[in-house]
Amino acid sequence: MTDGRRSRSKYQRGLGWDLVCDSNKLKEMAQSIFMAGILIGGLVLGDLSDRFGRKPILTCSYLLLAASGSGAAFSPTLPIYTVFRFLCGCGISGITLSTTILSVEWVSTRMRAIKSISLGYFYTSGQFILPGLAYAIPQWRWLQLTVSIPFFAFFLLSWWLPESVRWMILSGRSSKALKTFRQVAAFNGKKEEGEALSLEEIKLNLQKEITLAKAKHSIADLFRTPTLRRVTSCLSLAWFSTGFAYYSLAMGVEEFGVNLYVLQLIFGGVDVPAKFITMVSISYLGRHTTEAVVLLLAGGCILSLIFVPSDLLTLRTALAVFGKGCLSSSFSCLFLYTSELYPTVIRQTGMGINNLWTRVGSMTAPLVKITGELKPFLPNVIFGTIALLGGSAALFLPETLNRPLPETVEDLENWSLQAKEPKQEPEAENASQRIPLQPCELDLGPN
């Protein structure tokens, strides 16, 4: 019996719910229910965040994750455990969404790309910490409780976070926004500059956003024009394939026959260079090229696992680790790329819909793994093919490197039309440069 099977059997016996033989499929079902919680949480808590603010939803999400995670540790039956895991997924989704929105709305435009990649490194740090805790605490209930209790502290600390000033202005809480601005300025050692701020000055700087916020937009606007239909369709497939293939590798670490704790560390470690390379690539090669390449490479790695014998554990592990790194790069690129492709008036709607697709992919992945009972190679065929389709779809997306963000749908359409005619500019330039040279020939006679 391999180390992975020993770990899995020990895990199943520790649950005390007899998840063996045919009941083993319930473990994959529980994972899908957890992913469903992330999906539902993103839809519900995202709307509540627009209504009641980012900070209250973040605070409540911390409490929800802490309480439901602790409840899962003491679950007497599998159905109760899955309910708590569903709530854990909702809490994680609320924390991720609120944190991302707060960072975008507080950080300056030129720092958003760096901030986005930096936040991803905290996720990587968690992947390093978890294997150590799992090795030190082999009982799953105590491990579950250990990783859940710190969120009670995060729940208390979140009360000191400032609310989004942009949200407060757009929601008619201007006086409170001014007070928050001054508190943040004082915290940064710029109390005098904060005191000099006026409500009229803040409204003037955000006048464009206030005007755009008055217009009503819906999901139908994502398909209103040909360019938006192409962007939405291609991005949806890229997001779905990334979440679909990523969780197929993340959940199958025990299948590679390597020590589970060591492999989890390696899976977390590959994110460090992957995110750095992604930051360099999207800054110089562009978002379009980076996204297409990493998804095509990931799909190729997953499909290659079909042809590698099971006894070549080192090669199989190397392919899985490289594929996982490519999919991590895809996530990092997509967050920035999507926000740059959609116009301001529907940017949040576009981000929400595409985030929904990646949750659908991650929720579907555990169910696809069950098809391995019919043919062992079938899951990898499905995961790899979908990743290749996502990479191919990214090839049809326009490049956004060094281009201004579109504010309206019309801006995106005009920008797309200009991008289709890049070769006409050099010819026009050369023609204009030849015109001044013609009269110069008339002055050559006296010489």
Protein backbone atom coordinates (compact mmCIF):
# COMPACT_ATOMS: atom_id res chain seq x y z
CA MET A 1 0.00 0.00 0.00
CA THR A 2 1.43 3.41 -1.00
CA ASP A 3 1.86 6.37 1.36
CA GLY A 4 -1.01 8.17 -0.35
CA ARG A 5 -3.38 5.22 0.21
CA ARG A 6 -2.29 4.90 3.82
CA SER A 7 -2.99 8.58 4.38
CA ARG A 8 -6.37 8.30 2.69
CA SER A 9 -7.36 5.21 4.66
CA LYS A 10 -6.23 6.79 7.91
CA TYR A 11 -8.23 9.88 7.04
CA GLN A 12 -11.36 7.87 6.34
CA ARG A 13 -11.07 5.85 9.55
CA GLY A 14 -10.51 9.04 11.51
CA LEU A 15 -13.77 10.49 10.24
CA GLY A 16 -15.65 7.61 11.81
CA TRP A 17 -18.29 7.66 9.04
CA ASP A 18 -17.16 4.50 7.16
CA LEU A 19 -16.26 6.32 3.93
CA VAL A 20 -14.97 3.19 2.22
CA CYS A 21 -15.93 1.21 -0.90
CA ASP A 22 -19.01 2.77 -2.57
CA SER A 23 -19.34 5.39 0.20
CA ASN A 24 -15.95 6.79 -0.79
CA LYS A 25 -17.71 8.90 -3.44
CA LEU A 26 -19.31 10.93 -0.65
CA LYS A 27 -15.92 12.51 0.03
CA GLU A 28 -15.86 13.99 -3.47
CA MET A 29 -19.48 15.08 -3.00
CA ALA A 30 -18.59 16.89 0.23
CA GLN A 31 -15.84 18.75 -1.63
CA SER A 32 -18.32 19.80 -4.34
CA ILE A 33 -20.71 21.09 -1.67
CA PHE A 34 -17.87 23.17 -0.22
CA MET A 35 -17.24 24.64 -3.68
CA ALA A 36 -20.96 25.29 -4.04
CA GLY A 37 -20.76 27.34 -0.85
CA ILE A 38 -18.01 29.46 -2.41
CA LEU A 39 -20.19 29.97 -5.49
CA ILE A 40 -23.35 30.92 -3.59
CA GLY A 41 -21.37 33.08 -1.18
CA GLY A 42 -19.90 35.08 -4.05
CA LEU A 43 -23.34 35.76 -5.54
CA VAL A 44 -25.11 36.64 -2.28
CA LEU A 45 -22.35 38.41 -0.38
CA GLY A 46 -21.24 40.35 -3.47
CA ASP A 47 -24.69 41.93 -3.77
CA LEU A 48 -24.81 42.60 -0.02
CA SER A 49 -21.38 44.23 -0.25
CA ASP A 50 -22.76 46.77 -2.74
CA ARG A 51 -25.74 47.45 -0.49
CA PHE A 52 -24.25 47.57 3.01
CA GLY A 53 -20.55 48.16 2.42
CA ARG A 54 -17.37 46.14 2.11
CA LYS A 55 -16.33 46.26 5.76
CA PRO A 56 -19.54 44.81 7.34
CA ILE A 57 -19.54 41.90 4.89
CA LEU A 58 -15.84 41.23 5.54
CA THR A 59 -16.41 41.25 9.30
CA CYS A 60 -19.45 38.95 9.09
CA SER A 61 -17.58 36.60 6.73
CA TYR A 62 -14.74 36.23 9.24
CA LEU A 63 -17.27 35.33 11.95
CA LEU A 64 -19.12 32.93 9.64
CA LEU A 65 -15.91 31.11 8.70
CA ALA A 66 -14.74 30.90 12.32
CA ALA A 67 -18.08 29.57 13.60
CA SER A 68 -18.80 27.14 10.76
CA GLY A 69 -15.21 25.85 10.72
CA SER A 70 -15.36 25.16 14.45
CA GLY A 71 -18.75 23.52 14.02
CA ALA A 72 -17.38 21.22 11.31
CA ALA A 73 -14.74 20.00 13.76
CA PHE A 74 -17.47 18.69 16.09
CA SER A 75 -19.86 17.35 13.44
CA PRO A 76 -21.36 14.00 14.53
CA THR A 77 -22.51 12.98 11.02
CA LEU A 78 -21.48 13.56 7.42
CA PRO A 79 -24.64 15.58 6.47
CA ILE A 80 -24.02 18.02 9.32
CA TYR A 81 -20.36 18.21 8.33
CA THR A 82 -21.28 19.09 4.72
CA VAL A 83 -23.64 21.84 5.92
CA PHE A 84 -20.85 23.45 7.94
CA ARG A 85 -18.45 23.05 5.02
CA PHE A 86 -20.97 24.80 2.76
CA LEU A 87 -21.05 27.71 5.22
CA CYS A 88 -17.23 27.69 5.30
CA GLY A 89 -17.25 28.12 1.54
CA CYS A 90 -19.63 31.08 1.84
CA GLY A 91 -17.36 32.69 4.42
CA ILE A 92 -14.23 32.21 2.32
CA SER A 93 -15.96 33.72 -0.69
CA GLY A 94 -17.05 36.77 1.31
CA ILE A 95 -13.54 37.30 2.68
CA THR A 96 -11.91 36.98 -0.74
CA LEU A 97 -14.40 39.28 -2.46
CA SER A 98 -14.39 42.01 0.20
CA THR A 99 -10.60 41.97 0.56
CA THR A 100 -10.10 42.26 -3.20
CA ILE A 101 -12.58 45.12 -3.55
CA LEU A 102 -11.18 47.04 -0.58
CA SER A 103 -7.61 46.73 -1.88
CA VAL A 104 -8.63 47.91 -5.36
CA GLU A 105 -10.63 50.86 -4.05
CA TRP A 106 -7.96 52.00 -1.60
CA VAL A 107 -4.76 51.39 -3.62
CA SER A 108 -3.62 53.79 -6.37
CA THR A 109 -4.00 52.74 -10.01
CA ARG A 110 -0.28 52.21 -10.68
CA MET A 111 0.02 49.90 -7.66
CA ARG A 112 -2.97 47.66 -8.37
CA ALA A 113 -1.08 45.04 -10.41
CA ILE A 114 1.64 44.74 -7.76
CA LYS A 115 -0.95 44.67 -4.98
CA SER A 116 -2.91 41.93 -6.75
CA ILE A 117 0.16 39.69 -7.06
CA SER A 118 1.21 40.48 -3.47
CA LEU A 119 -2.14 39.33 -2.09
CA GLY A 120 -1.63 36.04 -3.90
CA TYR A 121 1.55 35.43 -1.91
CA PHE A 122 -0.48 35.33 1.33
CA TYR A 123 -2.44 32.44 -0.17
CA THR A 124 0.89 30.79 -0.97
CA SER A 125 2.06 31.31 2.62
CA GLY A 126 -1.02 29.45 3.83
CA GLN A 127 -0.10 26.52 1.62
CA PHE A 128 3.28 26.38 3.38
CA ILE A 129 1.78 26.54 6.87
CA LEU A 130 -1.00 23.98 6.39
CA PRO A 131 1.22 20.91 5.72
CA GLY A 132 3.22 21.66 8.87
CA LEU A 133 0.06 21.89 10.95
CA ALA A 134 -1.35 18.71 9.36
CA TYR A 135 1.88 16.83 10.18
CA ALA A 136 1.88 18.09 13.78
CA ILE A 137 -1.87 17.50 14.29
CA PRO A 138 -2.81 14.19 12.58
CA GLN A 139 -6.38 14.13 14.02
CA TRP A 140 -8.53 15.93 11.45
CA ARG A 141 -11.01 17.33 14.01
CA TRP A 142 -8.28 19.08 16.00
CA LEU A 143 -6.69 20.28 12.76
CA GLN A 144 -10.00 21.71 11.59
CA LEU A 145 -10.47 23.47 14.92
CA THR A 146 -6.90 24.81 14.90
CA VAL A 147 -7.24 26.48 11.51
CA SER A 148 -10.69 27.89 12.36
CA ILE A 149 -10.05 29.56 15.73
CA PRO A 150 -7.71 32.31 14.38
CA PHE A 151 -10.60 33.72 12.36
CA PHE A 152 -12.26 34.80 15.60
CA ALA A 153 -9.24 37.08 16.10
CA PHE A 154 -9.49 38.31 12.49
CA PHE A 155 -13.17 39.03 13.15
CA LEU A 156 -12.21 41.37 16.01
CA LEU A 157 -9.33 42.99 14.12
CA SER A 158 -11.52 43.73 11.10
CA TRP A 159 -13.41 46.35 13.13
CA TRP A 160 -10.34 48.62 12.80
CA LEU A 161 -10.31 48.45 9.00
CA PRO A 162 -11.57 51.57 7.19
CA GLU A 163 -14.58 51.33 4.92
CA SER A 164 -14.19 52.07 1.22
CA VAL A 165 -14.43 55.83 0.74
CA ARG A 166 -15.50 55.35 -2.87
CA TRP A 167 -18.45 53.20 -1.75
CA MET A 168 -19.44 55.71 0.93
CA ILE A 169 -19.42 58.61 -1.55
CA LEU A 170 -21.49 56.68 -4.11
CA SER A 171 -23.90 55.60 -1.35
CA GLY A 172 -24.55 59.15 -0.10
CA ARG A 173 -22.42 58.90 3.06
CA SER A 174 -20.20 61.86 2.15
CA SER A 175 -19.63 63.23 5.65
CA LYS A 176 -18.57 59.81 6.94
CA ALA A 177 -16.26 59.43 3.95
CA LEU A 178 -14.53 62.71 4.79
CA LYS A 179 -14.06 61.58 8.39
CA THR A 180 -12.55 58.28 7.24
CA PHE A 181 -10.22 60.10 4.85
CA ARG A 182 -8.92 62.26 7.67
CA GLN A 183 -8.42 59.27 9.96
CA VAL A 184 -6.40 57.45 7.29
CA ALA A 185 -4.35 60.58 6.59
CA ALA A 186 -3.55 60.94 10.29
CA PHE A 187 -2.55 57.27 10.48
CA ASN A 188 -0.15 57.81 7.54
CA GLY A 189 1.42 60.83 9.25
CA LYS A 190 -0.31 63.40 7.04
CA LYS A 191 -2.78 64.90 9.47
CA GLU A 192 -2.48 68.43 8.07
CA GLU A 193 -3.23 67.29 4.52
CA GLY A 194 -6.24 65.37 5.84
CA GLU A 195 -7.60 68.38 7.69
CA ALA A 196 -7.27 70.47 4.54
CA LEU A 197 -9.54 68.11 2.60
CA SER A 198 -13.07 69.31 1.92
CA LEU A 199 -16.20 67.43 0.95
CA GLU A 200 -16.50 69.40 -2.29
CA GLU A 201 -12.95 68.45 -3.31
CA ILE A 202 -13.63 64.74 -2.76
CA LYS A 203 -16.86 64.90 -4.77
CA LEU A 204 -15.06 66.75 -7.57
CA ASN A 205 -12.38 64.05 -7.84
CA LEU A 206 -15.03 61.32 -7.94
CA GLN A 207 -17.49 63.20 -10.13
CA LYS A 208 -17.04 60.85 -13.09
CA GLU A 209 -17.59 57.76 -10.94
CA ILE A 210 -20.68 59.34 -9.35
CA THR A 211 -22.14 60.12 -12.78
CA LEU A 212 -21.46 56.60 -14.08
CA ALA A 213 -22.95 55.04 -10.93
CA LYS A 214 -26.32 56.69 -11.62
CA ALA A 215 -26.75 54.67 -14.82
CA LYS A 216 -28.38 51.27 -14.40
CA HIS A 217 -26.65 48.29 -15.96
CA SER A 218 -27.41 44.58 -15.90
CA ILE A 219 -25.88 41.26 -16.90
CA ALA A 220 -27.47 41.68 -20.36
CA ASP A 221 -25.02 44.52 -21.04
CA LEU A 222 -22.18 41.98 -21.08
CA PHE A 223 -23.61 40.68 -24.39
CA ARG A 224 -24.94 43.93 -25.86
CA THR A 225 -22.20 44.51 -28.46
CA PRO A 226 -20.08 42.11 -30.58
CA THR A 227 -16.87 43.02 -28.74
CA LEU A 228 -18.44 42.49 -25.31
CA ARG A 229 -19.92 39.17 -26.41
CA ARG A 230 -16.50 37.99 -27.56
CA VAL A 231 -14.77 39.22 -24.39
CA THR A 232 -17.38 37.69 -22.07
CA SER A 233 -17.46 34.33 -23.86
CA CYS A 234 -13.68 33.93 -24.04
CA LEU A 235 -13.09 35.11 -20.48
CA SER A 236 -15.82 32.82 -19.13
CA LEU A 237 -14.17 29.79 -20.74
CA ALA A 238 -10.72 30.86 -19.48
CA TRP A 239 -11.99 31.32 -15.91
CA PHE A 240 -13.92 28.04 -15.96
CA SER A 241 -11.00 26.02 -17.32
CA THR A 242 -8.59 27.54 -14.79
CA GLY A 243 -10.75 26.71 -11.77
CA PHE A 244 -11.68 23.34 -13.25
CA ALA A 245 -8.10 22.19 -13.90
CA TYR A 246 -6.56 23.85 -10.82
CA TYR A 247 -8.67 21.96 -8.32
CA SER A 248 -8.19 18.71 -10.21
CA LEU A 249 -4.46 18.90 -9.37
CA ALA A 250 -4.86 20.44 -5.93
CA MET A 251 -7.27 17.71 -4.80
CA GLY A 252 -5.30 14.83 -6.33
CA VAL A 253 -1.98 15.26 -4.53
CA GLU A 254 -2.26 11.84 -2.86
CA GLU A 255 -2.40 10.11 -6.25
CA PHE A 256 1.26 10.78 -7.08
CA GLY A 257 2.63 8.37 -4.48
CA VAL A 258 4.87 11.00 -2.87
CA ASN A 259 4.69 11.91 0.81
CA LEU A 260 1.53 13.98 1.13
CA TYR A 261 3.06 16.68 3.37
CA VAL A 262 6.17 17.14 1.22
CA LEU A 263 4.14 17.30 -1.98
CA GLN A 264 1.83 19.93 -0.50
CA LEU A 265 4.89 22.04 0.34
CA ILE A 266 6.15 21.66 -3.21
CA PHE A 267 2.74 22.62 -4.58
CA GLY A 268 2.80 25.75 -2.46
CA GLY A 269 6.44 26.53 -3.26
CA VAL A 270 5.89 26.54 -7.03
CA ASP A 271 3.56 29.54 -6.62
CA VAL A 272 6.47 31.76 -5.52
CA PRO A 273 8.36 31.77 -8.84
CA ALA A 274 5.12 31.34 -10.83
CA LYS A 275 3.61 34.59 -9.53
CA PHE A 276 6.88 36.49 -10.00
CA ILE A 277 7.26 35.26 -13.59
CA THR A 278 3.63 36.19 -14.22
CA MET A 279 4.20 39.74 -12.97
CA VAL A 280 7.18 40.14 -15.33
CA SER A 281 5.39 38.51 -18.26
CA ILE A 282 2.20 40.58 -18.07
CA SER A 283 4.31 43.74 -17.78
CA TYR A 284 6.43 43.07 -20.88
CA LEU A 285 4.87 40.35 -23.04
CA GLY A 286 1.29 41.36 -22.27
CA ARG A 287 -1.81 39.84 -20.70
CA HIS A 288 -3.07 38.19 -23.89
CA THR A 289 0.09 36.17 -24.53
CA THR A 290 0.65 35.26 -20.87
CA GLU A 291 -2.87 33.95 -20.31
CA ALA A 292 -2.93 31.85 -23.49
CA VAL A 293 0.53 30.34 -22.92
CA VAL A 294 0.04 29.32 -19.27
CA LEU A 295 -3.33 27.63 -19.95
CA LEU A 296 -1.99 25.77 -22.99
CA LEU A 297 1.03 24.60 -20.99
CA ALA A 298 -1.21 23.48 -18.10
CA GLY A 299 -3.44 21.50 -20.44
CA GLY A 300 -0.42 19.87 -22.02
CA CYS A 301 0.97 18.85 -18.62
CA ILE A 302 -2.31 17.27 -17.53
CA LEU A 303 -2.69 15.35 -20.78
CA SER A 304 0.94 14.19 -20.54
CA LEU A 305 0.12 12.42 -17.25
CA ILE A 306 -1.94 9.93 -19.26
CA PHE A 307 1.14 8.62 -21.04
CA VAL A 308 3.53 8.57 -18.06
CA PRO A 309 3.63 5.16 -16.30
CA SER A 310 2.47 5.14 -12.70
CA ASP A 311 5.84 3.90 -11.48
CA LEU A 312 7.65 7.04 -12.75
CA LEU A 313 6.60 9.03 -9.68
CA THR A 314 9.22 11.77 -10.03
CA LEU A 315 8.21 12.62 -13.60
CA ARG A 316 4.49 12.54 -12.76
CA THR A 317 5.05 14.81 -9.78
CA ALA A 318 7.15 17.24 -11.85
CA LEU A 319 4.44 17.50 -14.51
CA ALA A 320 1.73 18.03 -11.89
CA VAL A 321 3.75 20.71 -10.06
CA PHE A 322 4.56 22.56 -13.30
CA GLY A 323 0.91 22.40 -14.38
CA LYS A 324 -0.24 23.69 -11.02
CA GLY A 325 2.22 26.59 -11.29
CA CYS A 326 0.85 27.49 -14.72
CA LEU A 327 -2.72 27.48 -13.38
CA SER A 328 -1.69 29.71 -10.46
CA SER A 329 -0.22 32.10 -13.04
CA SER A 330 -3.51 31.96 -14.95
CA PHE A 331 -5.45 33.01 -11.84
CA SER A 332 -3.08 35.92 -11.20
CA CYS A 333 -3.30 37.10 -14.80
CA LEU A 334 -7.08 36.74 -15.09
CA PHE A 335 -7.87 38.94 -12.08
CA LEU A 336 -5.97 41.85 -13.64
CA TYR A 337 -6.86 41.10 -17.26
CA THR A 338 -10.60 40.92 -16.61
CA SER A 339 -10.67 44.22 -14.71
CA GLU A 340 -8.85 45.89 -17.63
CA LEU A 341 -11.07 44.46 -20.39
CA TYR A 342 -14.47 45.44 -18.99
CA PRO A 343 -15.60 49.10 -19.00
CA THR A 344 -16.01 50.84 -15.65
CA VAL A 345 -19.81 50.86 -15.88
CA ILE A 346 -20.01 47.03 -15.95
CA ARG A 347 -16.61 46.06 -14.52
CA GLN A 348 -17.95 44.68 -11.23
CA THR A 349 -20.71 42.79 -13.05
CA GLY A 350 -18.18 41.25 -15.42
CA MET A 351 -15.86 40.28 -12.58
CA GLY A 352 -18.75 38.69 -10.70
CA ILE A 353 -19.94 36.60 -13.63
CA ASN A 354 -16.46 35.35 -14.50
CA ASN A 355 -15.75 34.57 -10.85
CA LEU A 356 -18.96 32.56 -10.91
CA TRP A 357 -17.61 30.44 -13.78
CA THR A 358 -14.40 29.56 -11.95
CA ARG A 359 -16.49 28.44 -8.97
CA VAL A 360 -18.60 26.29 -11.27
CA GLY A 361 -15.39 24.76 -12.57
CA SER A 362 -14.01 24.05 -9.10
CA MET A 363 -17.36 22.63 -8.02
CA THR A 364 -17.49 20.32 -11.05
CA ALA A 365 -13.90 19.06 -10.69
CA PRO A 366 -14.55 16.62 -7.79
CA LEU A 367 -17.46 15.07 -9.70
CA VAL A 368 -15.32 14.55 -12.80
CA LYS A 369 -12.72 12.71 -10.72
CA ILE A 370 -15.36 10.06 -10.03
CA THR A 371 -15.25 9.12 -13.73
CA GLY A 372 -11.81 7.61 -13.01
CA GLU A 373 -13.64 4.55 -11.72
CA LEU A 374 -14.79 3.87 -15.30
CA LYS A 375 -11.45 4.60 -17.00
CA PRO A 376 -8.43 5.74 -14.94
CA PHE A 377 -7.23 8.11 -17.67
CA LEU A 378 -10.63 9.73 -18.31
CA PRO A 379 -10.40 12.56 -15.70
CA ASN A 380 -7.06 13.77 -17.07
CA VAL A 381 -8.44 13.72 -20.63
CA ILE A 382 -11.33 15.94 -19.56
CA PHE A 383 -9.25 18.30 -17.39
CA GLY A 384 -6.48 18.67 -19.97
CA THR A 385 -8.84 19.21 -22.92
CA ILE A 386 -10.80 21.92 -21.10
CA ALA A 387 -7.54 23.71 -20.18
CA LEU A 388 -6.47 23.66 -23.84
CA LEU A 389 -9.84 25.09 -24.87
CA GLY A 390 -9.45 27.87 -22.29
CA GLY A 391 -6.00 28.73 -23.61
CA SER A 392 -7.30 28.77 -27.17
CA ALA A 393 -10.14 31.11 -26.17
CA ALA A 394 -7.62 33.53 -24.62
CA LEU A 395 -6.03 33.92 -28.07
CA PHE A 396 -9.18 35.75 -29.24
CA LEU A 397 -9.01 38.38 -26.48
CA PRO A 398 -7.57 41.85 -27.20
CA GLU A 399 -4.36 43.02 -25.55
CA THR A 400 -4.61 45.61 -22.76
CA LEU A 401 -0.93 46.28 -22.05
CA ASN A 402 -0.19 50.05 -21.84
CA ARG A 403 -3.76 50.93 -22.83
CA PRO A 404 -6.12 53.14 -20.81
CA LEU A 405 -9.04 51.53 -19.01
CA PRO A 406 -12.34 51.86 -20.90
CA GLU A 407 -14.96 53.84 -18.98
CA THR A 408 -18.03 53.08 -21.11
CA VAL A 409 -19.12 50.37 -23.55
CA GLU A 410 -18.55 52.84 -26.40
CA ASP A 411 -14.96 53.33 -25.22
CA LEU A 412 -14.35 49.60 -25.48
CA GLU A 413 -15.85 49.41 -28.97
CA ASN A 414 -13.77 52.36 -30.23
CA TRP A 415 -10.63 50.94 -28.62
CA SER A 416 -11.28 47.55 -30.24
CA LEU A 417 -11.70 49.15 -33.68
CA GLN A 418 -8.43 51.06 -33.31
CA ALA A 419 -6.62 47.87 -32.27
CA LYS A 420 -7.63 46.18 -35.55
CA GLU A 421 -5.74 48.76 -37.66
CA PRO A 422 -2.22 48.92 -36.22
CA LYS A 423 -0.44 48.61 -39.57
CA GLN A 424 -1.90 51.76 -41.11
CA GLU A 425 -0.13 54.10 -38.71
CA PRO A 426 3.49 53.41 -39.87
CA GLU A 427 2.48 53.83 -43.54
CA ALA A 428 0.82 57.15 -42.83
CA GLU A 429 3.86 58.20 -40.85
CA ASN A 430 6.24 57.36 -43.70
CA ALA A 431 4.08 59.19 -46.22
CA SER A 432 4.05 62.33 -44.08
CA GLN A 433 7.82 62.17 -43.70
CA ARG A 434 8.37 62.06 -47.52
CA ILE A 435 6.29 65.18 -48.23
CA PRO A 436 8.75 67.80 -46.77
CA LEU A 437 11.63 66.31 -48.81
CA GLN A 438 10.15 67.18 -52.22
CA PRO A 439 10.82 70.96 -52.31
CA CYS A 440 14.41 70.43 -51.17
CA GLU A 441 15.41 69.26 -54.68
CA LEU A 442 14.65 72.74 -56.12
CA ASP A 443 17.38 74.38 -54.02
CA LEU A 444 20.18 72.16 -55.28
CA GLY A 445 20.77 74.08 -58.56
CA PRO A 446 23.16 76.87 -57.40
CA ASN A 447 25.42 74.38 -55.70
